[in-house]
Amino acid sequence: MRRDVFQAIADPVRREIIEILSREALSVNEVANHFEISRPAVSKHLKILGECDLIEIRQQGRERYCFIKSESLVPAYMWLDQYRDIWENRIDSFEEYLMKLKAKETNGNE
């Protein structure tokens, strides 16, 4: 089954794996050591990330190492980025609303 990047980043464990691997390549066991879930569960998450082309797993001697393929995150970033201005404007409007409520409350208590 071919999955897409949004399926990969929908899970918090996979997002954490991406974050960990963005700093350095690690063996499968080293990745698993960061979590309190079973090694087979981590392997399943790694498999999904591989199917989404977000990581590459290479055999090096007796170990399998995971490498991030950050360029595969670009389409998701670009899709999300188009909504940044919309959400920033909404958050700014909400913040202004809260400030007005607080000012009313402060003025009403005097």
C-alpha atoms as a PDB file:
ATOM      1  CA  MET A   1       0.000   0.000   0.000  1.00  0.00           C
ATOM      2  CA  ARG A   2       1.347   3.410  -0.969  1.00  0.00           C
ATOM      3  CA  ARG A   3       0.783   6.023   1.716  1.00  0.00           C
ATOM      4  CA  ASP A   4       1.163   9.781   1.587  1.00  0.00           C
ATOM      5  CA  VAL A   5       3.117  12.197   3.749  1.00  0.00           C
ATOM      6  CA  PHE A   6      -0.010  13.340   5.615  1.00  0.00           C
ATOM      7  CA  GLN A   7      -0.659   9.799   6.830  1.00  0.00           C
ATOM      8  CA  ALA A   8       2.901   9.723   8.105  1.00  0.00           C
ATOM      9  CA  ILE A   9       2.779  12.996  10.011  1.00  0.00           C
ATOM     10  CA  ALA A  10      -0.694  12.331  11.419  1.00  0.00           C
ATOM     11  CA  ASP A  11       0.779  10.100  14.127  1.00  0.00           C
ATOM     12  CA  PRO A  12       2.661  11.735  17.034  1.00  0.00           C
ATOM     13  CA  VAL A  13       5.185   8.877  17.301  1.00  0.00           C
ATOM     14  CA  ARG A  14       6.081   9.232  13.624  1.00  0.00           C
ATOM     15  CA  ARG A  15       6.393  13.014  13.998  1.00  0.00           C
ATOM     16  CA  GLU A  16       8.797  12.425  16.886  1.00  0.00           C
ATOM     17  CA  ILE A  17      10.789   9.915  14.828  1.00  0.00           C
ATOM     18  CA  ILE A  18      11.065  12.492  12.030  1.00  0.00           C
ATOM     19  CA  GLU A  19      12.263  15.083  14.529  1.00  0.00           C
ATOM     20  CA  ILE A  20      14.852  12.691  16.010  1.00  0.00           C
ATOM     21  CA  LEU A  21      16.167  11.648  12.606  1.00  0.00           C
ATOM     22  CA  SER A  22      16.334  15.265  11.429  1.00  0.00           C
ATOM     23  CA  ARG A  23      19.248  15.683  13.853  1.00  0.00           C
ATOM     24  CA  GLU A  24      21.187  12.532  12.932  1.00  0.00           C
ATOM     25  CA  ALA A  25      20.909   9.152  11.263  1.00  0.00           C
ATOM     26  CA  LEU A  26      20.336   6.356  13.774  1.00  0.00           C
ATOM     27  CA  SER A  27      20.093   2.593  13.766  1.00  0.00           C
ATOM     28  CA  VAL A  28      16.658   1.053  14.148  1.00  0.00           C
ATOM     29  CA  ASN A  29      17.587   0.026  17.705  1.00  0.00           C
ATOM     30  CA  GLU A  30      18.748   3.553  18.557  1.00  0.00           C
ATOM     31  CA  VAL A  31      15.446   4.963  17.295  1.00  0.00           C
ATOM     32  CA  ALA A  32      13.534   2.376  19.347  1.00  0.00           C
ATOM     33  CA  ASN A  33      15.495   3.357  22.482  1.00  0.00           C
ATOM     34  CA  HIS A  34      13.825   6.811  22.368  1.00  0.00           C
ATOM     35  CA  PHE A  35      10.378   5.288  22.967  1.00  0.00           C
ATOM     36  CA  GLU A  36       8.589   3.263  25.598  1.00  0.00           C
ATOM     37  CA  ILE A  37       6.753   1.229  22.949  1.00  0.00           C
ATOM     38  CA  SER A  38       7.987  -2.120  21.662  1.00  0.00           C
ATOM     39  CA  ARG A  39      10.691  -2.399  19.029  1.00  0.00           C
ATOM     40  CA  PRO A  40       8.227  -4.064  16.597  1.00  0.00           C
ATOM     41  CA  ALA A  41       5.879  -1.087  17.058  1.00  0.00           C
ATOM     42  CA  VAL A  42       8.731   1.329  16.259  1.00  0.00           C
ATOM     43  CA  SER A  43       9.650  -0.825  13.249  1.00  0.00           C
ATOM     44  CA  LYS A  44       6.072  -0.538  11.993  1.00  0.00           C
ATOM     45  CA  HIS A  45       6.241   3.262  12.281  1.00  0.00           C
ATOM     46  CA  LEU A  46       9.580   3.235  10.437  1.00  0.00           C
ATOM     47  CA  LYS A  47       8.052   1.069   7.708  1.00  0.00           C
ATOM     48  CA  ILE A  48       5.227   3.582   7.220  1.00  0.00           C
ATOM     49  CA  LEU A  49       7.700   6.471   7.095  1.00  0.00           C
ATOM     50  CA  GLY A  50       9.652   4.526   4.474  1.00  0.00           C
ATOM     51  CA  GLU A  51       6.497   3.860   2.431  1.00  0.00           C
ATOM     52  CA  CYS A  52       5.844   7.608   2.496  1.00  0.00           C
ATOM     53  CA  ASP A  53       9.419   8.210   1.275  1.00  0.00           C
ATOM     54  CA  LEU A  54      10.245  10.280   4.369  1.00  0.00           C
ATOM     55  CA  ILE A  55      13.086   8.039   5.500  1.00  0.00           C
ATOM     56  CA  GLU A  56      15.458   5.599   3.916  1.00  0.00           C
ATOM     57  CA  ILE A  57      16.712   2.547   5.768  1.00  0.00           C
ATOM     58  CA  ARG A  58      20.151   1.295   4.676  1.00  0.00           C
ATOM     59  CA  GLN A  59      21.929  -1.827   5.774  1.00  0.00           C
ATOM     60  CA  GLN A  60      25.424  -1.042   7.075  1.00  0.00           C
ATOM     61  CA  GLY A  61      27.132  -4.163   8.285  1.00  0.00           C
ATOM     62  CA  ARG A  62      24.837  -5.849  10.798  1.00  0.00           C
ATOM     63  CA  GLU A  63      22.863  -2.670  11.532  1.00  0.00           C
ATOM     64  CA  ARG A  64      20.062  -0.963   9.625  1.00  0.00           C
ATOM     65  CA  TYR A  65      20.335   2.836   9.716  1.00  0.00           C
ATOM     66  CA  CYS A  66      17.508   5.312   9.218  1.00  0.00           C
ATOM     67  CA  PHE A  67      18.140   8.487   7.256  1.00  0.00           C
ATOM     68  CA  ILE A  68      15.667  11.347   6.945  1.00  0.00           C
ATOM     69  CA  LYS A  69      14.638  12.437   3.450  1.00  0.00           C
ATOM     70  CA  SER A  70      13.574  15.953   4.385  1.00  0.00           C
ATOM     71  CA  GLU A  71      12.887  16.958   0.779  1.00  0.00           C
ATOM     72  CA  SER A  72       9.844  14.678   0.934  1.00  0.00           C
ATOM     73  CA  LEU A  73       8.319  16.957   3.594  1.00  0.00           C
ATOM     74  CA  VAL A  74       8.351  19.970   1.239  1.00  0.00           C
ATOM     75  CA  PRO A  75       4.926  19.275  -0.366  1.00  0.00           C
ATOM     76  CA  ALA A  76       3.278  19.016   3.065  1.00  0.00           C
ATOM     77  CA  TYR A  77       5.031  22.172   4.244  1.00  0.00           C
ATOM     78  CA  MET A  78       3.932  24.097   1.147  1.00  0.00           C
ATOM     79  CA  TRP A  79       0.343  22.920   1.527  1.00  0.00           C
ATOM     80  CA  LEU A  80       0.258  23.931   5.193  1.00  0.00           C
ATOM     81  CA  ASP A  81       2.060  27.204   4.566  1.00  0.00           C
ATOM     82  CA  GLN A  82      -0.804  28.515   2.422  1.00  0.00           C
ATOM     83  CA  TYR A  83      -2.990  28.504   5.541  1.00  0.00           C
ATOM     84  CA  ARG A  84      -0.474  30.262   7.789  1.00  0.00           C
ATOM     85  CA  ASP A  85      -1.695  33.805   7.029  1.00  0.00           C
ATOM     86  CA  ILE A  86      -5.325  32.800   7.511  1.00  0.00           C
ATOM     87  CA  TRP A  87      -4.636  31.283  10.939  1.00  0.00           C
ATOM     88  CA  GLU A  88      -2.324  34.095  12.012  1.00  0.00           C
ATOM     89  CA  ASN A  89      -5.052  36.634  11.169  1.00  0.00           C
ATOM     90  CA  ARG A  90      -7.644  34.621  13.083  1.00  0.00           C
ATOM     91  CA  ILE A  91      -5.392  34.308  16.102  1.00  0.00           C
ATOM     92  CA  ASP A  92      -4.631  38.050  16.001  1.00  0.00           C
ATOM     93  CA  SER A  93      -8.355  38.828  15.824  1.00  0.00           C
ATOM     94  CA  PHE A  94      -9.074  36.513  18.742  1.00  0.00           C
ATOM     95  CA  GLU A  95      -6.280  38.121  20.767  1.00  0.00           C
ATOM     96  CA  GLU A  96      -7.727  41.596  20.072  1.00  0.00           C
ATOM     97  CA  TYR A  97     -11.168  40.355  21.152  1.00  0.00           C
ATOM     98  CA  LEU A  98      -9.757  39.003  24.420  1.00  0.00           C
ATOM     99  CA  MET A  99      -7.956  42.286  25.085  1.00  0.00           C
ATOM    100  CA  LYS A 100     -11.227  44.198  24.588  1.00  0.00           C
ATOM    101  CA  LEU A 101     -13.037  41.847  26.986  1.00  0.00           C
ATOM    102  CA  LYS A 102     -10.293  42.263  29.559  1.00  0.00           C
ATOM    103  CA  ALA A 103     -10.403  46.066  29.179  1.00  0.00           C
ATOM    104  CA  LYS A 104     -14.204  46.047  29.674  1.00  0.00           C
ATOM    105  CA  GLU A 105     -13.821  43.860  32.738  1.00  0.00           C
ATOM    106  CA  THR A 106     -11.129  46.100  34.194  1.00  0.00           C
ATOM    107  CA  ASN A 107     -13.138  49.280  33.503  1.00  0.00           C
ATOM    108  CA  GLY A 108     -16.317  47.725  34.923  1.00  0.00           C
ATOM    109  CA  ASN A 109     -14.622  46.831  38.206  1.00  0.00           C
ATOM    110  CA  GLU A 110     -13.405  50.346  38.925  1.00  0.00           C
END
